[in-house]
Amino acid sequence: MIPSPIDHVAPAVRRLVCPMHRFAPVNAWILGEKGTQLIVDTGMPGAETAALWAQSETAGEVAGVEAILCTHMHRDHAGQVPALMRRHGVPLLMTRQEHDRLSRTIGTAPEAGRAGLQAFRRRLGIASAVAATASPIDYSALDPFPQDFTPLEAGMELRLGGMDWQVVLGGGHSVRAACLLAADRSLFLAGDQVLAGAGPHISVWADAPEADPLADYLVFLEGLLVLPDSLLVLPGHGAPFRGLGAQAEALRRRHEQRLGRLHAGLAGAKSPLEMVGLVFSEQAGRRFAELLPGMALGLANHLWHRGRLRRHVDDEGVFRFETIS
């Protein structure tokens, strides 16, 4: 008998833990009984994760799939979508914003993507010689990505995996991620929008350097506070947990504390790179490394959009922020 890599988390809730060698493994969820299954997220592209799906199918754990839902466009969630769609002949569900961004990312020539990222990192205050070593995340394994999909919208009601769901949209970690709330308030499928511990990273990216993703994320967290703590949260990384409202409030407080530290500690005009030590711990530095300047820019942009910081671009093209007295 073929062993299965699937974890049985709850009735009709299965989890396939997919490897992600840089960060924590990513969860793919299989919801519903065989014959009416919904796959939510799929893991990284590549042979290692593909083999886990094949093993799960051979063991009979993944059978009778009716749809695939991709919570957001990051490749650790969308990586196996094309192959699984072909194999099971099922539709794809995701938001139009996430699908559009993924399609643009896949369609960007490597040279253009590299040049854009390196220019952005120089704007963060990273030395030109260091910025010149940066390369964008490789999405070429997802080319071609399916262009036929069902766009998800806020409040949409769906019957999938033998259950009734309501679509809850979020932002911050990605442009417009989709979560699923069970109609009976038993499950919340969170993707990367809510994780245990410190939560997802909220960063400004090279293609939208003036954006305020933290504003979107704080609005999303506020909407979770009314949901019952009895919900079983199915996150994109890590173990399922309960206490969604308490975790949402803890994440909100953590971001507010970082904003407070940045505003209070900013002396003179600082680049995002120079802000990193004001708001992030050494542990965060070890975990996120080169992501931290973009995360610092997310905090600075939030205060700038609210009139609490002034921003200018210096002679080297670097973003610099200072407090408004």
Protein backbone atom coordinates (compact mmCIF):
# COMPACT_ATOMS: atom_id res chain seq x y z
CA MET A 1 0.00 0.00 0.00
CA ILE A 2 1.31 3.47 -0.93
CA PRO A 3 1.89 5.61 2.20
CA SER A 4 0.16 8.99 2.19
CA PRO A 5 1.88 12.30 3.05
CA ILE A 6 -1.53 13.78 3.97
CA ASP A 7 -2.42 14.92 7.51
CA HIS A 8 -6.05 14.50 8.56
CA VAL A 9 -6.69 17.70 10.53
CA ALA A 10 -10.47 17.50 11.02
CA PRO A 11 -13.41 15.73 9.34
CA ALA A 12 -13.12 16.36 5.59
CA VAL A 13 -10.05 18.59 6.15
CA ARG A 14 -6.74 17.26 4.86
CA ARG A 15 -3.37 19.02 4.78
CA LEU A 16 -0.44 18.39 2.47
CA VAL A 17 2.67 20.03 3.93
CA CYS A 18 4.80 21.10 0.99
CA PRO A 19 8.53 21.88 1.30
CA MET A 20 9.79 25.45 1.09
CA HIS A 21 13.46 25.42 1.84
CA ARG A 22 13.99 29.09 2.60
CA PHE A 23 10.97 29.68 4.84
CA ALA A 24 8.48 27.50 6.71
CA PRO A 25 6.76 24.74 4.71
CA VAL A 26 3.58 25.79 2.94
CA ASN A 27 0.19 24.17 3.51
CA ALA A 28 -1.98 22.89 0.70
CA TRP A 29 -5.50 22.09 1.89
CA ILE A 30 -7.85 19.43 0.53
CA LEU A 31 -11.38 20.09 1.76
CA GLY A 32 -14.35 17.79 1.40
CA GLU A 33 -14.89 14.09 0.93
CA LYS A 34 -13.58 12.20 -2.07
CA GLY A 35 -15.66 13.09 -5.08
CA THR A 36 -16.34 16.70 -4.03
CA GLN A 37 -12.90 17.92 -3.03
CA LEU A 38 -11.61 21.47 -3.15
CA ILE A 39 -7.85 22.04 -3.32
CA VAL A 40 -6.73 25.31 -1.75
CA ASP A 41 -3.16 26.34 -2.65
CA THR A 42 -0.67 23.92 -4.10
CA GLY A 43 2.92 24.49 -2.90
CA MET A 44 6.08 25.42 -4.77
CA PRO A 45 6.75 24.57 -8.41
CA GLY A 46 9.20 21.74 -9.04
CA ALA A 47 9.56 17.99 -8.86
CA GLU A 48 9.73 17.69 -5.07
CA THR A 49 6.23 19.09 -4.46
CA ALA A 50 4.85 17.44 -7.61
CA ALA A 51 5.92 14.08 -6.22
CA LEU A 52 3.97 14.70 -3.00
CA TRP A 53 0.81 15.41 -4.96
CA ALA A 54 1.33 12.30 -7.09
CA GLN A 55 1.88 10.23 -3.96
CA SER A 56 -1.31 11.62 -2.39
CA GLU A 57 -3.29 10.81 -5.51
CA THR A 58 -1.90 7.28 -5.73
CA ALA A 59 -2.79 6.72 -2.07
CA GLY A 60 -6.38 7.77 -2.86
CA GLU A 61 -6.37 10.83 -0.62
CA VAL A 62 -6.88 13.28 -3.51
CA ALA A 63 -9.74 12.00 -5.63
CA GLY A 64 -12.76 13.58 -7.26
CA VAL A 65 -11.44 17.16 -7.19
CA GLU A 66 -14.02 19.73 -8.32
CA ALA A 67 -12.00 22.96 -8.20
CA ILE A 68 -8.70 24.57 -7.22
CA LEU A 69 -8.63 27.84 -5.29
CA CYS A 70 -5.44 29.89 -5.14
CA THR A 71 -5.49 32.33 -2.22
CA HIS A 72 -2.80 34.58 -3.74
CA MET A 73 -0.21 34.70 -6.50
CA HIS A 74 3.00 33.89 -4.63
CA ARG A 75 4.71 30.90 -6.18
CA ASP A 76 4.69 28.83 -2.97
CA HIS A 77 0.90 28.80 -3.28
CA ALA A 78 0.42 28.81 -7.06
CA GLY A 79 3.36 26.57 -7.98
CA GLN A 80 1.46 23.39 -8.85
CA VAL A 81 -1.75 25.01 -10.16
CA PRO A 82 -1.10 24.41 -13.89
CA ALA A 83 -0.18 20.74 -13.45
CA LEU A 84 -3.06 19.95 -11.08
CA MET A 85 -5.58 21.70 -13.32
CA ARG A 86 -4.43 19.67 -16.29
CA ARG A 87 -4.46 16.42 -14.38
CA HIS A 88 -7.88 16.85 -12.76
CA GLY A 89 -9.56 18.93 -15.48
CA VAL A 90 -11.04 21.40 -12.99
CA PRO A 91 -11.55 25.19 -12.86
CA LEU A 92 -9.36 27.71 -11.05
CA LEU A 93 -10.69 30.29 -8.60
CA MET A 94 -8.70 33.36 -7.51
CA THR A 95 -9.12 37.12 -7.45
CA ARG A 96 -8.65 39.07 -10.65
CA GLN A 97 -6.02 41.29 -9.00
CA GLU A 98 -3.88 38.33 -7.96
CA HIS A 99 -4.27 36.64 -11.35
CA ASP A 100 -3.37 39.85 -13.21
CA ARG A 101 -0.30 40.42 -11.09
CA LEU A 102 0.87 36.84 -11.49
CA SER A 103 0.38 37.05 -15.25
CA ARG A 104 2.39 40.29 -15.41
CA THR A 105 5.15 38.79 -13.31
CA ILE A 106 5.40 35.71 -15.51
CA GLY A 107 5.36 37.89 -18.62
CA THR A 108 8.14 40.24 -17.50
CA ALA A 109 11.41 39.57 -19.30
CA PRO A 110 14.16 38.48 -16.86
CA GLU A 111 16.40 41.41 -17.79
CA ALA A 112 13.62 43.94 -17.19
CA GLY A 113 12.65 42.33 -13.89
CA ARG A 114 16.24 42.31 -12.71
CA ALA A 115 16.79 45.95 -13.67
CA GLY A 116 13.60 47.05 -11.94
CA LEU A 117 14.43 45.21 -8.73
CA GLN A 118 17.97 46.53 -8.61
CA ALA A 119 16.78 50.11 -9.16
CA PHE A 120 14.21 49.68 -6.39
CA ARG A 121 16.79 48.34 -3.95
CA ARG A 122 18.99 51.36 -4.62
CA ARG A 123 15.99 53.53 -3.74
CA LEU A 124 15.80 51.71 -0.41
CA GLY A 125 19.32 52.94 0.37
CA ILE A 126 21.16 49.74 -0.49
CA ALA A 127 24.61 50.31 -1.96
CA SER A 128 24.74 50.02 -5.74
CA ALA A 129 27.25 47.17 -5.65
CA VAL A 130 25.00 45.16 -3.32
CA ALA A 131 21.78 46.09 -5.15
CA ALA A 132 23.33 44.91 -8.41
CA THR A 133 23.46 41.33 -7.08
CA ALA A 134 19.67 41.14 -6.60
CA SER A 135 17.53 38.95 -8.85
CA PRO A 136 13.72 38.73 -8.80
CA ILE A 137 11.95 35.56 -7.74
CA ASP A 138 11.79 33.18 -10.68
CA TYR A 139 8.24 32.49 -11.84
CA SER A 140 9.20 30.93 -15.18
CA ALA A 141 8.11 27.45 -14.05
CA LEU A 142 4.50 28.74 -14.01
CA ASP A 143 4.59 29.73 -17.68
CA PRO A 144 2.07 29.30 -19.22
CA PHE A 145 -0.33 30.00 -16.36
CA PRO A 146 -4.02 29.22 -17.00
CA GLN A 147 -5.88 32.27 -18.27
CA ASP A 148 -9.36 30.84 -17.70
CA PHE A 149 -10.43 31.32 -14.09
CA THR A 150 -13.41 32.30 -11.95
CA PRO A 151 -12.74 35.70 -10.34
CA LEU A 152 -13.49 35.81 -6.63
CA GLU A 153 -15.14 38.88 -5.13
CA ALA A 154 -15.82 40.00 -1.56
CA GLY A 155 -18.93 38.42 -0.09
CA MET A 156 -19.31 35.87 -2.88
CA GLU A 157 -21.07 32.71 -1.68
CA LEU A 158 -19.72 29.38 -2.90
CA ARG A 159 -20.59 25.71 -2.50
CA LEU A 160 -17.29 23.82 -2.67
CA GLY A 161 -15.93 20.70 -1.02
CA GLY A 162 -19.40 19.84 0.22
CA MET A 163 -19.57 23.04 2.30
CA ASP A 164 -20.97 26.56 1.96
CA TRP A 165 -18.43 29.39 2.07
CA GLN A 166 -18.23 33.14 1.93
CA VAL A 167 -15.29 34.87 0.26
CA VAL A 168 -13.37 37.33 2.45
CA LEU A 169 -10.80 39.47 0.66
CA GLY A 170 -7.66 40.86 2.23
CA GLY A 171 -4.54 42.73 1.28
CA GLY A 172 -1.15 43.71 2.61
CA HIS A 173 0.88 40.57 2.17
CA SER A 174 -0.27 40.47 -1.45
CA VAL A 175 -2.46 42.71 -3.54
CA ARG A 176 -5.92 41.13 -2.96
CA ALA A 177 -5.81 37.70 -1.38
CA ALA A 178 -8.87 35.49 -0.98
CA CYS A 179 -9.86 33.78 2.27
CA LEU A 180 -12.82 31.47 2.84
CA LEU A 181 -15.18 31.64 5.81
CA ALA A 182 -17.39 28.60 6.37
CA ALA A 183 -21.07 29.51 6.50
CA ASP A 184 -21.46 27.56 9.75
CA ARG A 185 -18.52 29.53 11.27
CA SER A 186 -16.50 26.35 11.83
CA LEU A 187 -13.51 27.05 9.55
CA PHE A 188 -11.55 30.04 8.28
CA LEU A 189 -9.19 29.34 5.44
CA ALA A 190 -6.67 32.15 5.83
CA GLY A 191 -3.94 31.64 3.25
CA ASP A 192 -1.06 33.88 4.33
CA GLN A 193 -3.34 36.66 5.58
CA VAL A 194 -3.29 35.35 9.16
CA LEU A 195 -0.48 33.22 10.51
CA ALA A 196 0.38 32.24 14.06
CA GLY A 197 3.25 34.05 15.78
CA ALA A 198 4.46 37.24 14.11
CA GLY A 199 2.16 36.86 11.12
CA PRO A 200 2.95 37.50 7.45
CA HIS A 201 5.46 40.06 6.28
CA ILE A 202 3.94 43.27 4.90
CA SER A 203 6.31 44.76 2.35
CA VAL A 204 6.37 47.33 -0.42
CA TRP A 205 7.44 45.80 -3.73
CA ALA A 206 9.38 47.13 -6.68
CA ASP A 207 6.38 47.56 -8.99
CA ALA A 208 4.48 49.81 -6.55
CA PRO A 209 7.06 51.75 -4.48
CA GLU A 210 4.60 54.37 -3.20
CA ALA A 211 1.90 51.90 -2.10
CA ASP A 212 0.56 51.58 1.44
CA PRO A 213 -0.06 47.83 1.85
CA LEU A 214 -0.13 48.14 5.64
CA ALA A 215 -3.34 50.19 5.42
CA ASP A 216 -5.02 47.34 3.55
CA TYR A 217 -3.77 44.83 6.08
CA LEU A 218 -4.98 46.77 9.12
CA VAL A 219 -8.46 47.10 7.57
CA PHE A 220 -8.49 43.34 6.96
CA LEU A 221 -7.49 42.58 10.56
CA GLU A 222 -10.21 44.85 11.92
CA GLY A 223 -12.81 42.86 10.01
CA LEU A 224 -11.73 39.64 11.74
CA LEU A 225 -12.38 40.88 15.27
CA VAL A 226 -16.10 40.05 15.08
CA LEU A 227 -15.53 36.39 14.14
CA PRO A 228 -15.84 33.71 16.85
CA ASP A 229 -12.71 32.38 18.54
CA SER A 230 -14.08 28.86 18.08
CA LEU A 231 -13.21 29.00 14.37
CA LEU A 232 -10.49 26.60 13.29
CA VAL A 233 -8.05 28.70 11.28
CA LEU A 234 -6.32 26.92 8.39
CA PRO A 235 -3.24 29.05 7.63
CA GLY A 236 -0.88 29.03 4.66
CA HIS A 237 2.06 28.12 6.90
CA GLY A 238 2.17 26.41 10.28
CA ALA A 239 -0.34 24.45 12.30
CA PRO A 240 -4.09 25.18 12.45
CA PHE A 241 -5.16 27.24 15.45
CA ARG A 242 -8.15 28.80 17.18
CA GLY A 243 -8.56 32.28 18.62
CA LEU A 244 -8.70 34.24 15.36
CA GLY A 245 -9.85 37.51 16.95
CA ALA A 246 -7.10 37.44 19.57
CA GLN A 247 -4.46 36.76 16.93
CA ALA A 248 -5.80 39.52 14.68
CA GLU A 249 -5.64 41.97 17.57
CA ALA A 250 -2.11 40.85 18.47
CA LEU A 251 -0.96 41.37 14.88
CA ARG A 252 -2.61 44.81 14.78
CA ARG A 253 -0.85 45.83 18.00
CA ARG A 254 2.49 44.59 16.71
CA HIS A 255 2.25 46.77 13.61
CA GLU A 256 1.12 49.77 15.65
CA GLN A 257 4.10 49.29 17.96
CA ARG A 258 6.49 49.22 15.01
CA LEU A 259 4.92 52.38 13.64
CA GLY A 260 5.36 54.01 17.03
CA ARG A 261 9.00 52.97 17.30
CA LEU A 262 9.75 54.27 13.83
CA HIS A 263 8.09 57.63 14.39
CA ALA A 264 9.67 58.10 17.80
CA GLY A 265 13.15 56.96 16.78
CA LEU A 266 13.48 58.76 13.47
CA ALA A 267 16.13 61.44 13.75
CA GLY A 268 16.99 63.27 10.56
CA ALA A 269 16.19 62.03 7.06
CA LYS A 270 16.59 58.24 6.95
CA SER A 271 16.46 55.70 4.16
CA PRO A 272 14.40 52.52 4.57
CA LEU A 273 17.65 50.58 5.04
CA GLU A 274 18.64 52.89 7.89
CA MET A 275 15.22 52.42 9.51
CA VAL A 276 15.54 48.64 9.79
CA GLY A 277 17.37 48.74 13.13
CA LEU A 278 14.77 51.08 14.61
CA VAL A 279 11.88 48.67 14.23
CA PHE A 280 13.07 45.10 13.67
CA SER A 281 14.83 42.69 16.01
CA GLU A 282 17.96 40.70 15.28
CA GLN A 283 15.76 37.61 15.07
CA ALA A 284 13.70 39.26 12.33
CA GLY A 285 16.93 40.16 10.57
CA ARG A 286 18.01 36.52 10.54
CA ARG A 287 14.61 35.36 9.33
CA PHE A 288 13.79 37.92 6.65
CA ALA A 289 17.21 39.37 5.76
CA GLU A 290 16.91 41.27 2.48
CA LEU A 291 13.12 41.66 2.87
CA LEU A 292 13.49 44.04 5.81
CA PRO A 293 14.19 47.29 3.90
CA GLY A 294 10.98 46.77 1.89
CA MET A 295 9.11 46.05 5.12
CA ALA A 296 10.55 49.24 6.67
CA LEU A 297 9.37 51.15 3.59
CA GLY A 298 5.90 49.72 4.21
CA LEU A 299 5.88 51.29 7.68
CA ALA A 300 7.32 54.59 6.44
CA ASN A 301 4.86 54.80 3.55
CA HIS A 302 1.98 54.24 5.97
CA LEU A 303 3.09 57.19 8.13
CA TRP A 304 3.84 59.28 5.05
CA HIS A 305 0.37 58.71 3.58
CA ARG A 306 -1.09 59.84 6.91
CA GLY A 307 0.90 63.05 7.03
CA ARG A 308 3.15 62.00 9.90
CA LEU A 309 6.34 61.76 7.84
CA ARG A 310 7.79 63.82 5.03
CA ARG A 311 9.39 62.02 2.10
CA HIS A 312 11.87 63.19 -0.49
CA VAL A 313 14.20 61.57 -2.99
CA ASP A 314 17.85 62.56 -2.53
CA ASP A 315 20.45 63.20 -5.21
CA GLU A 316 21.28 59.48 -5.35
CA GLY A 317 17.66 58.55 -5.96
CA VAL A 318 17.16 57.18 -2.43
CA PHE A 319 13.86 57.53 -0.56
CA ARG A 320 14.37 59.51 2.64
CA PHE A 321 11.81 60.13 5.36
CA GLU A 322 11.76 62.52 8.30
CA THR A 323 9.24 63.44 10.95
CA ILE A 324 7.01 66.48 10.55
CA SER A 325 7.42 68.72 13.58
